[in-house]
All heavy atoms as atom14 arrays in JSON, in Angstrom:
{
  "sequence": "GPFLYTVMTVSIVNDDSMNETREENVNALNSVLEKYFKSVSFYING",
  "atom14_mask": [
    [1, 1, 1, 1, 0, 0, 0, 0, 0, 0, 0, 0, 0, 0],
    [1, 1, 1, 1, 1, 1, 1, 0, 0, 0, 0, 0, 0, 0],
    [1, 1, 1, 1, 1, 1, 1, 1, 1, 1, 1, 0, 0, 0],
    [1, 1, 1, 1, 1, 1, 1, 1, 0, 0, 0, 0, 0, 0],
    [1, 1, 1, 1, 1, 1, 1, 1, 1, 1, 1, 1, 0, 0],
    [1, 1, 1, 1, 1, 1, 1, 0, 0, 0, 0, 0, 0, 0],
    [1, 1, 1, 1, 1, 1, 1, 0, 0, 0, 0, 0, 0, 0],
    [1, 1, 1, 1, 1, 1, 1, 1, 0, 0, 0, 0, 0, 0],
    [1, 1, 1, 1, 1, 1, 1, 0, 0, 0, 0, 0, 0, 0],
    [1, 1, 1, 1, 1, 1, 1, 0, 0, 0, 0, 0, 0, 0],
    [1, 1, 1, 1, 1, 1, 0, 0, 0, 0, 0, 0, 0, 0],
    [1, 1, 1, 1, 1, 1, 1, 1, 0, 0, 0, 0, 0, 0],
    [1, 1, 1, 1, 1, 1, 1, 0, 0, 0, 0, 0, 0, 0],
    [1, 1, 1, 1, 1, 1, 1, 1, 0, 0, 0, 0, 0, 0],
    [1, 1, 1, 1, 1, 1, 1, 1, 0, 0, 0, 0, 0, 0],
    [1, 1, 1, 1, 1, 1, 1, 1, 0, 0, 0, 0, 0, 0],
    [1, 1, 1, 1, 1, 1, 0, 0, 0, 0, 0, 0, 0, 0],
    [1, 1, 1, 1, 1, 1, 1, 1, 0, 0, 0, 0, 0, 0],
    [1, 1, 1, 1, 1, 1, 1, 1, 0, 0, 0, 0, 0, 0],
    [1, 1, 1, 1, 1, 1, 1, 1, 1, 0, 0, 0, 0, 0],
    [1, 1, 1, 1, 1, 1, 1, 0, 0, 0, 0, 0, 0, 0],
    [1, 1, 1, 1, 1, 1, 1, 1, 1, 1, 1, 0, 0, 0],
    [1, 1, 1, 1, 1, 1, 1, 1, 1, 0, 0, 0, 0, 0],
    [1, 1, 1, 1, 1, 1, 1, 1, 1, 0, 0, 0, 0, 0],
    [1, 1, 1, 1, 1, 1, 1, 1, 0, 0, 0, 0, 0, 0],
    [1, 1, 1, 1, 1, 1, 1, 0, 0, 0, 0, 0, 0, 0],
    [1, 1, 1, 1, 1, 1, 1, 1, 0, 0, 0, 0, 0, 0],
    [1, 1, 1, 1, 1, 0, 0, 0, 0, 0, 0, 0, 0, 0],
    [1, 1, 1, 1, 1, 1, 1, 1, 0, 0, 0, 0, 0, 0],
    [1, 1, 1, 1, 1, 1, 1, 1, 0, 0, 0, 0, 0, 0],
    [1, 1, 1, 1, 1, 1, 0, 0, 0, 0, 0, 0, 0, 0],
    [1, 1, 1, 1, 1, 1, 1, 0, 0, 0, 0, 0, 0, 0],
    [1, 1, 1, 1, 1, 1, 1, 1, 0, 0, 0, 0, 0, 0],
    [1, 1, 1, 1, 1, 1, 1, 1, 1, 0, 0, 0, 0, 0],
    [1, 1, 1, 1, 1, 1, 1, 1, 1, 0, 0, 0, 0, 0],
    [1, 1, 1, 1, 1, 1, 1, 1, 1, 1, 1, 1, 0, 0],
    [1, 1, 1, 1, 1, 1, 1, 1, 1, 1, 1, 0, 0, 0],
    [1, 1, 1, 1, 1, 1, 1, 1, 1, 0, 0, 0, 0, 0],
    [1, 1, 1, 1, 1, 1, 0, 0, 0, 0, 0, 0, 0, 0],
    [1, 1, 1, 1, 1, 1, 1, 0, 0, 0, 0, 0, 0, 0],
    [1, 1, 1, 1, 1, 1, 0, 0, 0, 0, 0, 0, 0, 0],
    [1, 1, 1, 1, 1, 1, 1, 1, 1, 1, 1, 0, 0, 0],
    [1, 1, 1, 1, 1, 1, 1, 1, 1, 1, 1, 1, 0, 0],
    [1, 1, 1, 1, 1, 1, 1, 1, 0, 0, 0, 0, 0, 0],
    [1, 1, 1, 1, 1, 1, 1, 1, 0, 0, 0, 0, 0, 0],
    [1, 1, 1, 1, 0, 0, 0, 0, 0, 0, 0, 0, 0, 0]
  ],
  "atom14_positions": [
    [[26.01, 15.66, -32.34], [27.0, 16.71, -32.59], [26.46, 17.88, -33.36], [25.26, 18.07, -33.43], [0.0, 0.0, 0.0], [0.0, 0.0, 0.0], [0.0, 0.0, 0.0], [0.0, 0.0, 0.0], [0.0, 0.0, 0.0], [0.0, 0.0, 0.0], [0.0, 0.0, 0.0], [0.0, 0.0, 0.0], [0.0, 0.0, 0.0], [0.0, 0.0, 0.0]],
    [[27.35, 18.71, -33.93], [28.81, 18.5, -33.97], [29.42, 18.64, -32.57], [29.05, 19.52, -31.81], [29.29, 19.62, -34.9], [28.26, 20.69, -34.77], [26.95, 19.99, -34.57], [0.0, 0.0, 0.0], [0.0, 0.0, 0.0], [0.0, 0.0, 0.0], [0.0, 0.0, 0.0], [0.0, 0.0, 0.0], [0.0, 0.0, 0.0], [0.0, 0.0, 0.0]],
    [[30.36, 17.73, -32.29], [30.93, 17.67, -30.96], [32.23, 18.46, -30.84], [33.0, 18.57, -31.79], [31.2, 16.21, -30.57], [29.96, 15.39, -30.4], [29.67, 14.34, -31.27], [29.07, 15.65, -29.36], [28.53, 13.59, -31.12], [27.92, 14.9, -29.2], [27.64, 13.86, -30.09], [0.0, 0.0, 0.0], [0.0, 0.0, 0.0], [0.0, 0.0, 0.0]],
    [[32.42, 18.97, -29.63], [33.71, 19.51, -29.22], [34.21, 18.66, -28.06], [33.41, 17.99, -27.39], [33.58, 20.97, -28.78], [33.13, 21.98, -29.83], [32.95, 23.36, -29.21], [34.13, 22.05, -30.97], [0.0, 0.0, 0.0], [0.0, 0.0, 0.0], [0.0, 0.0, 0.0], [0.0, 0.0, 0.0], [0.0, 0.0, 0.0], [0.0, 0.0, 0.0]],
    [[35.52, 18.68, -27.83], [36.12, 17.83, -26.8], [37.01, 18.66, -25.89], [37.6, 19.66, -26.31], [36.95, 16.73, -27.46], [36.23, 16.01, -28.57], [36.32, 16.45, -29.9], [35.44, 14.89, -28.31], [35.66, 15.8, -30.93], [34.77, 14.24, -29.33], [34.88, 14.7, -30.64], [34.21, 14.07, -31.66], [0.0, 0.0, 0.0], [0.0, 0.0, 0.0]],
    [[37.08, 18.23, -24.65], [38.06, 18.83, -23.75], [38.46, 17.78, -22.72], [37.87, 16.7, -22.65], [37.53, 20.09, -23.06], [38.61, 20.76, -22.39], [36.45, 19.78, -22.03], [0.0, 0.0, 0.0], [0.0, 0.0, 0.0], [0.0, 0.0, 0.0], [0.0, 0.0, 0.0], [0.0, 0.0, 0.0], [0.0, 0.0, 0.0], [0.0, 0.0, 0.0]],
    [[39.46, 18.11, -21.91], [39.94, 17.19, -20.87], [39.93, 17.91, -19.53], [40.36, 19.06, -19.43], [41.36, 16.68, -21.18], [41.86, 15.79, -20.05], [41.37, 15.92, -22.5], [0.0, 0.0, 0.0], [0.0, 0.0, 0.0], [0.0, 0.0, 0.0], [0.0, 0.0, 0.0], [0.0, 0.0, 0.0], [0.0, 0.0, 0.0], [0.0, 0.0, 0.0]],
    [[39.42, 17.24, -18.53], [39.42, 17.74, -17.15], [40.26, 16.8, -16.29], [40.1, 15.58, -16.36], [37.99, 17.79, -16.61], [37.9, 18.24, -15.15], [36.2, 18.12, -14.5], [36.08, 16.34, -14.27], [0.0, 0.0, 0.0], [0.0, 0.0, 0.0], [0.0, 0.0, 0.0], [0.0, 0.0, 0.0], [0.0, 0.0, 0.0], [0.0, 0.0, 0.0]],
    [[41.16, 17.37, -15.5], [41.99, 16.57, -14.59], [41.74, 17.04, -13.16], [41.72, 18.25, -12.9], [43.47, 16.68, -14.95], [43.67, 16.2, -16.28], [44.32, 15.86, -14.0], [0.0, 0.0, 0.0], [0.0, 0.0, 0.0], [0.0, 0.0, 0.0], [0.0, 0.0, 0.0], [0.0, 0.0, 0.0], [0.0, 0.0, 0.0], [0.0, 0.0, 0.0]],
    [[41.55, 16.09, -12.25], [41.18, 16.4, -10.87], [42.12, 15.72, -9.89], [42.44, 14.53, -10.04], [39.73, 15.95, -10.57], [39.35, 16.26, -9.12], [38.75, 16.61, -11.53], [0.0, 0.0, 0.0], [0.0, 0.0, 0.0], [0.0, 0.0, 0.0], [0.0, 0.0, 0.0], [0.0, 0.0, 0.0], [0.0, 0.0, 0.0], [0.0, 0.0, 0.0]],
    [[42.55, 16.48, -8.9], [43.35, 15.95, -7.81], [42.64, 16.29, -6.5], [42.28, 17.45, -6.27], [44.76, 16.55, -7.82], [45.52, 16.07, -6.73], [0.0, 0.0, 0.0], [0.0, 0.0, 0.0], [0.0, 0.0, 0.0], [0.0, 0.0, 0.0], [0.0, 0.0, 0.0], [0.0, 0.0, 0.0], [0.0, 0.0, 0.0], [0.0, 0.0, 0.0]],
    [[42.41, 15.29, -5.66], [41.76, 15.5, -4.36], [42.85, 15.54, -3.29], [43.69, 14.63, -3.21], [40.75, 14.37, -4.08], [39.65, 14.39, -5.15], [40.15, 14.5, -2.68], [38.74, 13.18, -5.1], [0.0, 0.0, 0.0], [0.0, 0.0, 0.0], [0.0, 0.0, 0.0], [0.0, 0.0, 0.0], [0.0, 0.0, 0.0], [0.0, 0.0, 0.0]],
    [[42.85, 16.6, -2.47], [43.95, 16.8, -1.52], [43.42, 16.99, -0.1], [42.28, 17.43, 0.1], [44.81, 18.03, -1.92], [45.45, 17.82, -3.27], [43.97, 19.3, -1.94], [0.0, 0.0, 0.0], [0.0, 0.0, 0.0], [0.0, 0.0, 0.0], [0.0, 0.0, 0.0], [0.0, 0.0, 0.0], [0.0, 0.0, 0.0], [0.0, 0.0, 0.0]],
    [[44.27, 16.66, 0.89], [43.89, 16.86, 2.28], [44.32, 18.24, 2.76], [44.8, 19.07, 1.98], [44.48, 15.74, 3.17], [46.01, 15.73, 3.13], [46.66, 16.72, 2.8], [46.58, 14.58, 3.46], [0.0, 0.0, 0.0], [0.0, 0.0, 0.0], [0.0, 0.0, 0.0], [0.0, 0.0, 0.0], [0.0, 0.0, 0.0], [0.0, 0.0, 0.0]],
    [[44.16, 18.5, 4.05], [44.48, 19.82, 4.6], [45.95, 20.19, 4.47], [46.31, 21.36, 4.51], [44.07, 19.88, 6.08], [42.56, 19.82, 6.27], [41.84, 20.1, 5.28], [42.1, 19.47, 7.37], [0.0, 0.0, 0.0], [0.0, 0.0, 0.0], [0.0, 0.0, 0.0], [0.0, 0.0, 0.0], [0.0, 0.0, 0.0], [0.0, 0.0, 0.0]],
    [[46.81, 19.19, 4.31], [48.24, 19.43, 4.15], [48.65, 19.47, 2.68], [49.84, 19.38, 2.35], [49.05, 18.34, 4.88], [48.81, 18.37, 6.38], [48.7, 19.49, 6.93], [48.7, 17.3, 6.98], [0.0, 0.0, 0.0], [0.0, 0.0, 0.0], [0.0, 0.0, 0.0], [0.0, 0.0, 0.0], [0.0, 0.0, 0.0], [0.0, 0.0, 0.0]],
    [[47.65, 19.57, 1.81], [47.86, 19.63, 0.35], [48.48, 18.36, -0.21], [49.07, 18.38, -1.29], [48.75, 20.85, -0.01], [48.11, 22.05, 0.37], [0.0, 0.0, 0.0], [0.0, 0.0, 0.0], [0.0, 0.0, 0.0], [0.0, 0.0, 0.0], [0.0, 0.0, 0.0], [0.0, 0.0, 0.0], [0.0, 0.0, 0.0], [0.0, 0.0, 0.0]],
    [[48.34, 17.26, 0.52], [48.82, 15.97, 0.04], [47.75, 15.3, -0.81], [46.57, 15.3, -0.45], [49.2, 15.07, 1.22], [50.3, 15.66, 2.11], [51.87, 15.85, 1.22], [52.29, 14.11, 0.96], [0.0, 0.0, 0.0], [0.0, 0.0, 0.0], [0.0, 0.0, 0.0], [0.0, 0.0, 0.0], [0.0, 0.0, 0.0], [0.0, 0.0, 0.0]],
    [[48.17, 14.71, -1.91], [47.24, 14.07, -2.83], [46.62, 12.82, -2.21], [47.32, 11.94, -1.74], [47.98, 13.71, -4.12], [47.05, 13.13, -5.17], [45.84, 13.27, -5.07], [47.61, 12.49, -6.18], [0.0, 0.0, 0.0], [0.0, 0.0, 0.0], [0.0, 0.0, 0.0], [0.0, 0.0, 0.0], [0.0, 0.0, 0.0], [0.0, 0.0, 0.0]],
    [[45.28, 12.78, -2.2], [44.57, 11.62, -1.67], [43.61, 11.03, -2.71], [42.66, 10.32, -2.37], [43.8, 11.98, -0.4], [44.68, 12.27, 0.8], [43.89, 12.35, 2.09], [42.64, 12.32, 2.02], [44.51, 12.44, 3.15], [0.0, 0.0, 0.0], [0.0, 0.0, 0.0], [0.0, 0.0, 0.0], [0.0, 0.0, 0.0], [0.0, 0.0, 0.0]],
    [[43.87, 11.32, -3.97], [43.0, 10.82, -5.04], [43.14, 9.31, -5.14], [44.24, 8.77, -5.13], [43.37, 11.45, -6.39], [43.54, 12.85, -6.22], [42.29, 11.19, -7.42], [0.0, 0.0, 0.0], [0.0, 0.0, 0.0], [0.0, 0.0, 0.0], [0.0, 0.0, 0.0], [0.0, 0.0, 0.0], [0.0, 0.0, 0.0], [0.0, 0.0, 0.0]],
    [[41.97, 8.63, -5.22], [41.97, 7.17, -5.34], [41.21, 6.75, -6.6], [40.36, 7.49, -7.11], [41.31, 6.53, -4.12], [42.01, 6.81, -2.79], [41.18, 6.26, -1.64], [39.86, 6.9, -1.61], [38.79, 6.35, -1.05], [38.86, 5.13, -0.54], [37.63, 6.98, -1.03], [0.0, 0.0, 0.0], [0.0, 0.0, 0.0], [0.0, 0.0, 0.0]],
    [[41.47, 5.56, -7.04], [40.76, 5.05, -8.22], [39.25, 4.97, -7.96], [38.44, 5.15, -8.86], [41.31, 3.69, -8.63], [40.75, 3.2, -9.95], [41.48, 1.98, -10.47], [42.33, 1.43, -9.73], [41.2, 1.58, -11.62], [0.0, 0.0, 0.0], [0.0, 0.0, 0.0], [0.0, 0.0, 0.0], [0.0, 0.0, 0.0], [0.0, 0.0, 0.0]],
    [[38.88, 4.72, -6.7], [37.47, 4.63, -6.35], [36.73, 5.95, -6.58], [35.5, 5.98, -6.71], [37.3, 4.22, -4.89], [37.66, 2.78, -4.6], [39.17, 2.53, -4.53], [39.92, 3.52, -4.54], [39.56, 1.35, -4.49], [0.0, 0.0, 0.0], [0.0, 0.0, 0.0], [0.0, 0.0, 0.0], [0.0, 0.0, 0.0], [0.0, 0.0, 0.0]],
    [[37.47, 7.06, -6.62], [36.84, 8.37, -6.81], [36.36, 8.6, -8.24], [35.6, 9.53, -8.5], [37.81, 9.49, -6.42], [38.29, 9.42, -4.99], [39.47, 9.65, -4.71], [37.38, 9.12, -4.07], [0.0, 0.0, 0.0], [0.0, 0.0, 0.0], [0.0, 0.0, 0.0], [0.0, 0.0, 0.0], [0.0, 0.0, 0.0], [0.0, 0.0, 0.0]],
    [[36.82, 7.75, -9.16], [36.41, 7.91, -10.56], [34.89, 7.87, -10.69], [34.27, 8.7, -11.35], [37.06, 6.84, -11.45], [36.46, 6.87, -12.85], [38.57, 7.06, -11.53], [0.0, 0.0, 0.0], [0.0, 0.0, 0.0], [0.0, 0.0, 0.0], [0.0, 0.0, 0.0], [0.0, 0.0, 0.0], [0.0, 0.0, 0.0], [0.0, 0.0, 0.0]],
    [[34.28, 6.9, -10.03], [32.84, 6.74, -10.15], [32.1, 7.92, -9.53], [31.02, 8.31, -10.02], [32.4, 5.44, -9.48], [31.06, 4.96, -10.0], [30.75, 5.1, -11.17], [30.26, 4.4, -9.11], [0.0, 0.0, 0.0], [0.0, 0.0, 0.0], [0.0, 0.0, 0.0], [0.0, 0.0, 0.0], [0.0, 0.0, 0.0], [0.0, 0.0, 0.0]],
    [[32.66, 8.48, -8.46], [32.03, 9.64, -7.83], [31.96, 10.81, -8.8], [30.91, 11.46, -8.95], [32.8, 10.04, -6.57], [0.0, 0.0, 0.0], [0.0, 0.0, 0.0], [0.0, 0.0, 0.0], [0.0, 0.0, 0.0], [0.0, 0.0, 0.0], [0.0, 0.0, 0.0], [0.0, 0.0, 0.0], [0.0, 0.0, 0.0], [0.0, 0.0, 0.0]],
    [[33.06, 11.08, -9.47], [33.07, 12.18, -10.43], [32.16, 11.9, -11.62], [31.47, 12.78, -12.12], [34.49, 12.45, -10.92], [35.29, 13.49, -10.12], [35.45, 13.05, -8.66], [36.66, 13.73, -10.73], [0.0, 0.0, 0.0], [0.0, 0.0, 0.0], [0.0, 0.0, 0.0], [0.0, 0.0, 0.0], [0.0, 0.0, 0.0], [0.0, 0.0, 0.0]],
    [[32.13, 10.64, -12.04], [31.25, 10.28, -13.15], [29.78, 10.47, -12.82], [28.97, 10.77, -13.71], [31.49, 8.83, -13.56], [32.67, 8.69, -14.51], [33.1, 9.65, -15.13], [33.21, 7.48, -14.6], [0.0, 0.0, 0.0], [0.0, 0.0, 0.0], [0.0, 0.0, 0.0], [0.0, 0.0, 0.0], [0.0, 0.0, 0.0], [0.0, 0.0, 0.0]],
    [[29.42, 10.31, -11.54], [28.02, 10.49, -11.15], [27.56, 11.92, -11.38], [26.36, 12.18, -11.56], [27.84, 10.12, -9.67], [28.47, 11.06, -8.81], [0.0, 0.0, 0.0], [0.0, 0.0, 0.0], [0.0, 0.0, 0.0], [0.0, 0.0, 0.0], [0.0, 0.0, 0.0], [0.0, 0.0, 0.0], [0.0, 0.0, 0.0], [0.0, 0.0, 0.0]],
    [[28.5, 12.86, -11.38], [28.18, 14.25, -11.7], [28.25, 14.48, -13.21], [27.33, 15.02, -13.82], [29.14, 15.22, -10.98], [28.88, 16.67, -11.42], [28.99, 15.09, -9.47], [0.0, 0.0, 0.0], [0.0, 0.0, 0.0], [0.0, 0.0, 0.0], [0.0, 0.0, 0.0], [0.0, 0.0, 0.0], [0.0, 0.0, 0.0], [0.0, 0.0, 0.0]],
    [[29.33, 14.04, -13.82], [29.54, 14.32, -15.24], [28.44, 13.74, -16.12], [28.04, 14.35, -17.12], [30.9, 13.76, -15.68], [32.13, 14.43, -15.08], [33.4, 13.7, -15.52], [32.21, 15.9, -15.48], [0.0, 0.0, 0.0], [0.0, 0.0, 0.0], [0.0, 0.0, 0.0], [0.0, 0.0, 0.0], [0.0, 0.0, 0.0], [0.0, 0.0, 0.0]],
    [[27.93, 12.55, -15.76], [26.95, 11.89, -16.62], [25.65, 12.67, -16.71], [24.84, 12.44, -17.62], [26.69, 10.47, -16.12], [26.0, 10.41, -14.77], [25.87, 8.98, -14.25], [26.49, 8.09, -14.85], [25.15, 8.76, -13.25], [0.0, 0.0, 0.0], [0.0, 0.0, 0.0], [0.0, 0.0, 0.0], [0.0, 0.0, 0.0], [0.0, 0.0, 0.0]],
    [[25.42, 13.61, -15.8], [24.21, 14.42, -15.88], [24.31, 15.48, -16.96], [23.29, 16.02, -17.41], [23.96, 15.12, -14.53], [23.66, 14.17, -13.39], [23.19, 14.91, -12.16], [24.23, 15.84, -11.57], [23.77, 16.5, -10.34], [0.0, 0.0, 0.0], [0.0, 0.0, 0.0], [0.0, 0.0, 0.0], [0.0, 0.0, 0.0], [0.0, 0.0, 0.0]],
    [[25.54, 15.78, -17.38], [25.73, 16.91, -18.28], [26.38, 16.56, -19.63], [26.12, 17.23, -20.62], [26.61, 17.96, -17.59], [26.08, 18.42, -16.25], [26.64, 17.98, -15.06], [25.0, 19.3, -16.17], [26.17, 18.4, -13.83], [24.52, 19.73, -14.96], [25.1, 19.28, -13.78], [24.61, 19.71, -12.57], [0.0, 0.0, 0.0], [0.0, 0.0, 0.0]],
    [[27.23, 15.55, -19.66], [28.02, 15.27, -20.86], [28.13, 13.77, -21.14], [27.89, 12.94, -20.27], [29.47, 15.78, -20.7], [29.6, 17.19, -20.22], [30.09, 17.46, -18.96], [29.23, 18.25, -21.03], [30.21, 18.75, -18.51], [29.35, 19.55, -20.59], [29.83, 19.8, -19.33], [0.0, 0.0, 0.0], [0.0, 0.0, 0.0], [0.0, 0.0, 0.0]],
    [[28.57, 13.46, -22.36], [29.18, 12.17, -22.63], [30.6, 12.28, -22.09], [31.28, 13.3, -22.31], [29.22, 11.89, -24.13], [27.86, 11.85, -24.81], [27.1, 10.59, -24.44], [25.82, 10.49, -25.24], [25.03, 9.29, -24.87], [0.0, 0.0, 0.0], [0.0, 0.0, 0.0], [0.0, 0.0, 0.0], [0.0, 0.0, 0.0], [0.0, 0.0, 0.0]],
    [[31.07, 11.27, -21.39], [32.41, 11.38, -20.82], [33.01, 10.01, -20.56], [32.29, 9.01, -20.43], [32.38, 12.17, -19.5], [31.64, 11.48, -18.51], [0.0, 0.0, 0.0], [0.0, 0.0, 0.0], [0.0, 0.0, 0.0], [0.0, 0.0, 0.0], [0.0, 0.0, 0.0], [0.0, 0.0, 0.0], [0.0, 0.0, 0.0], [0.0, 0.0, 0.0]],
    [[34.33, 9.97, -20.5], [35.08, 8.76, -20.14], [36.17, 9.2, -19.18], [36.91, 10.15, -19.45], [35.7, 8.08, -21.38], [36.43, 6.82, -20.97], [34.63, 7.77, -22.42], [0.0, 0.0, 0.0], [0.0, 0.0, 0.0], [0.0, 0.0, 0.0], [0.0, 0.0, 0.0], [0.0, 0.0, 0.0], [0.0, 0.0, 0.0], [0.0, 0.0, 0.0]],
    [[36.27, 8.53, -18.02], [37.22, 8.95, -16.99], [38.18, 7.82, -16.62], [37.81, 6.63, -16.67], [36.47, 9.41, -15.73], [35.6, 10.47, -16.01], [0.0, 0.0, 0.0], [0.0, 0.0, 0.0], [0.0, 0.0, 0.0], [0.0, 0.0, 0.0], [0.0, 0.0, 0.0], [0.0, 0.0, 0.0], [0.0, 0.0, 0.0], [0.0, 0.0, 0.0]],
    [[39.39, 8.22, -16.25], [40.44, 7.26, -15.89], [41.22, 7.76, -14.68], [41.3, 8.96, -14.43], [41.42, 7.07, -17.05], [40.77, 6.68, -18.35], [40.45, 7.64, -19.29], [40.49, 5.35, -18.62], [39.85, 7.29, -20.47], [39.9, 4.99, -19.81], [39.58, 5.95, -20.75], [0.0, 0.0, 0.0], [0.0, 0.0, 0.0], [0.0, 0.0, 0.0]],
    [[41.8, 6.81, -13.97], [42.74, 7.14, -12.9], [44.14, 7.03, -13.5], [44.6, 5.94, -13.85], [42.57, 6.15, -11.74], [43.48, 6.4, -10.56], [43.24, 7.44, -9.67], [44.58, 5.57, -10.34], [44.07, 7.64, -8.58], [45.42, 5.76, -9.26], [45.16, 6.81, -8.39], [45.99, 7.02, -7.31], [0.0, 0.0, 0.0], [0.0, 0.0, 0.0]],
    [[44.81, 8.18, -13.67], [46.11, 8.22, -14.32], [47.09, 9.03, -13.47], [46.81, 10.18, -13.11], [46.04, 8.87, -15.71], [45.0, 8.17, -16.59], [47.39, 8.87, -16.4], [44.79, 8.85, -17.92], [0.0, 0.0, 0.0], [0.0, 0.0, 0.0], [0.0, 0.0, 0.0], [0.0, 0.0, 0.0], [0.0, 0.0, 0.0], [0.0, 0.0, 0.0]],
    [[48.22, 8.44, -13.16], [49.3, 9.17, -12.46], [48.81, 9.87, -11.19], [49.15, 11.02, -10.91], [49.93, 10.2, -13.4], [50.58, 9.57, -14.6], [51.11, 8.46, -14.52], [50.56, 10.26, -15.74], [0.0, 0.0, 0.0], [0.0, 0.0, 0.0], [0.0, 0.0, 0.0], [0.0, 0.0, 0.0], [0.0, 0.0, 0.0], [0.0, 0.0, 0.0]],
    [[47.98, 9.19, -10.42], [47.52, 9.73, -9.15], [46.45, 10.79, -9.27], [46.12, 11.46, -8.3], [0.0, 0.0, 0.0], [0.0, 0.0, 0.0], [0.0, 0.0, 0.0], [0.0, 0.0, 0.0], [0.0, 0.0, 0.0], [0.0, 0.0, 0.0], [0.0, 0.0, 0.0], [0.0, 0.0, 0.0], [0.0, 0.0, 0.0], [0.0, 0.0, 0.0]]
  ]
}
């Protein structure tokens, strides 16, 4: 540190703007985030 904190929320959508976010996508996003930050990710409310 000294550390700062923030929160990022992601929704994955199809061509009809319908939410298609799945819990399995957590690891995909973490594969990017871990290159740059300390982070903890969760699947919450879709």
